[in-house]
Amino acid sequence: MSRPVYALAASCKNPKAIEKIYNIKDRPAEKPICICISNVEQLVAAKPPFSPLLWEFMRDVYPGGISCIVAKGEWLSKLGVGPAYDRVGTKDSIMIRVPDHTVTR
């Protein structure tokens, strides 16, 4: 029997909203928050320096329950991550997901 999973979401452009998630969930500061996007084409437009193998993998598994941890970089600002850059992911990496659910996408 599967259990429901509950999540909170906030704009990756709003550091205060991300702080609220940490506070509401009593989430440890060392547990990074991921970014959910609507589709792989959003990433294509941001032009991250991903390998051809990673692009192929993402196109094969998204949308779905897989997350990819990738290096952070300037491409995140093209994706829309603004002042909250330091509050998503770790100092060097970010987990990206394209959920297989209409509401979260």
Protein backbone atom coordinates (compact mmCIF):
# COMPACT_ATOMS: atom_id res chain seq x y z
CA MET A 1 0.00 0.00 0.00
CA SER A 2 1.44 3.37 -0.96
CA ARG A 3 1.38 6.31 1.40
CA PRO A 4 0.61 9.85 0.30
CA VAL A 5 3.55 12.20 0.11
CA TYR A 6 3.06 15.83 1.01
CA ALA A 7 5.24 18.66 -0.21
CA LEU A 8 5.43 22.40 0.03
CA ALA A 9 6.54 24.55 -2.87
CA ALA A 10 7.80 28.09 -3.20
CA SER A 11 9.16 30.29 -5.93
CA CYS A 12 12.88 29.83 -6.45
CA LYS A 13 12.97 33.60 -6.98
CA ASN A 14 11.88 34.31 -3.41
CA PRO A 15 14.36 33.57 -0.60
CA LYS A 16 11.79 34.46 2.09
CA ALA A 17 9.35 31.89 0.73
CA ILE A 18 12.07 29.25 0.79
CA GLU A 19 12.91 30.19 4.40
CA LYS A 20 9.24 29.68 5.26
CA ILE A 21 9.44 26.12 3.91
CA TYR A 22 12.41 25.43 6.17
CA ASN A 23 10.55 26.90 9.15
CA ILE A 24 7.17 25.24 8.53
CA LYS A 25 8.70 21.81 7.95
CA ASP A 26 11.33 22.29 10.66
CA ARG A 27 13.74 21.26 7.92
CA PRO A 28 17.44 21.17 8.81
CA ALA A 29 19.44 23.90 7.04
CA GLU A 30 21.86 21.27 5.72
CA LYS A 31 19.05 19.48 3.85
CA PRO A 32 18.91 21.28 0.46
CA ILE A 33 15.76 22.11 -1.46
CA CYS A 34 15.44 20.93 -5.06
CA ILE A 35 13.99 22.68 -8.09
CA CYS A 36 11.00 21.27 -9.93
CA ILE A 37 10.50 22.35 -13.53
CA SER A 38 7.74 21.73 -16.06
CA ASN A 39 9.76 20.07 -18.78
CA VAL A 40 13.26 19.43 -20.09
CA GLU A 41 12.85 22.22 -22.65
CA GLN A 42 13.07 24.74 -19.80
CA LEU A 43 16.57 23.43 -19.17
CA VAL A 44 17.47 23.52 -22.86
CA ALA A 45 16.61 27.23 -22.92
CA ALA A 46 18.85 27.88 -19.87
CA LYS A 47 21.78 26.16 -21.63
CA PRO A 48 23.42 24.29 -18.75
CA PRO A 49 26.69 22.56 -19.66
CA PHE A 50 25.29 19.02 -19.41
CA SER A 51 26.84 16.09 -21.22
CA PRO A 52 24.99 14.57 -24.19
CA LEU A 53 24.48 11.43 -22.09
CA LEU A 54 22.75 13.42 -19.31
CA TRP A 55 20.50 15.17 -21.84
CA GLU A 56 19.53 11.81 -23.32
CA PHE A 57 18.86 10.39 -19.85
CA MET A 58 16.68 13.36 -18.86
CA ARG A 59 14.64 13.14 -22.04
CA ASP A 60 14.10 9.42 -21.40
CA VAL A 61 13.02 9.66 -17.74
CA TYR A 62 11.16 12.98 -17.49
CA PRO A 63 8.53 13.55 -16.44
CA GLY A 64 8.88 11.00 -13.68
CA GLY A 65 10.15 10.19 -10.22
CA ILE A 66 13.85 10.58 -10.99
CA SER A 67 15.94 13.48 -9.73
CA CYS A 68 19.26 14.59 -11.19
CA ILE A 69 21.92 16.31 -9.14
CA VAL A 70 23.93 18.69 -11.29
CA ALA A 71 26.52 21.43 -10.83
CA LYS A 72 25.15 24.91 -10.13
CA GLY A 73 26.10 27.74 -12.44
CA GLU A 74 25.02 30.89 -14.24
CA TRP A 75 22.52 28.86 -16.22
CA LEU A 76 20.29 28.83 -13.10
CA SER A 77 19.66 32.55 -13.48
CA LYS A 78 18.43 31.89 -17.03
CA LEU A 79 16.12 29.26 -15.55
CA GLY A 80 14.66 31.89 -13.24
CA VAL A 81 16.52 31.35 -9.98
CA GLY A 82 17.09 34.83 -8.66
CA PRO A 83 18.03 36.01 -5.17
CA ALA A 84 17.27 32.56 -3.74
CA TYR A 85 20.31 31.04 -5.52
CA ASP A 86 22.07 30.43 -2.20
CA ARG A 87 18.97 28.86 -0.60
CA VAL A 88 18.36 26.13 -3.19
CA GLY A 89 20.63 23.15 -3.51
CA THR A 90 24.04 23.13 -1.91
CA LYS A 91 26.87 25.57 -2.49
CA ASP A 92 27.95 23.64 -5.60
CA SER A 93 25.02 21.50 -6.77
CA ILE A 94 21.27 21.46 -7.29
CA MET A 95 18.77 18.62 -7.63
CA ILE A 96 16.37 18.99 -10.54
CA ARG A 97 13.13 17.13 -10.99
CA VAL A 98 10.35 17.13 -13.59
CA PRO A 99 7.47 15.61 -11.62
CA ASP A 100 4.99 13.29 -13.25
CA HIS A 101 2.04 15.19 -11.79
CA THR A 102 0.20 18.04 -13.45
CA VAL A 103 -0.16 20.19 -10.32
CA THR A 104 3.49 20.07 -9.32
CA ARG A 105 4.65 20.62 -12.90
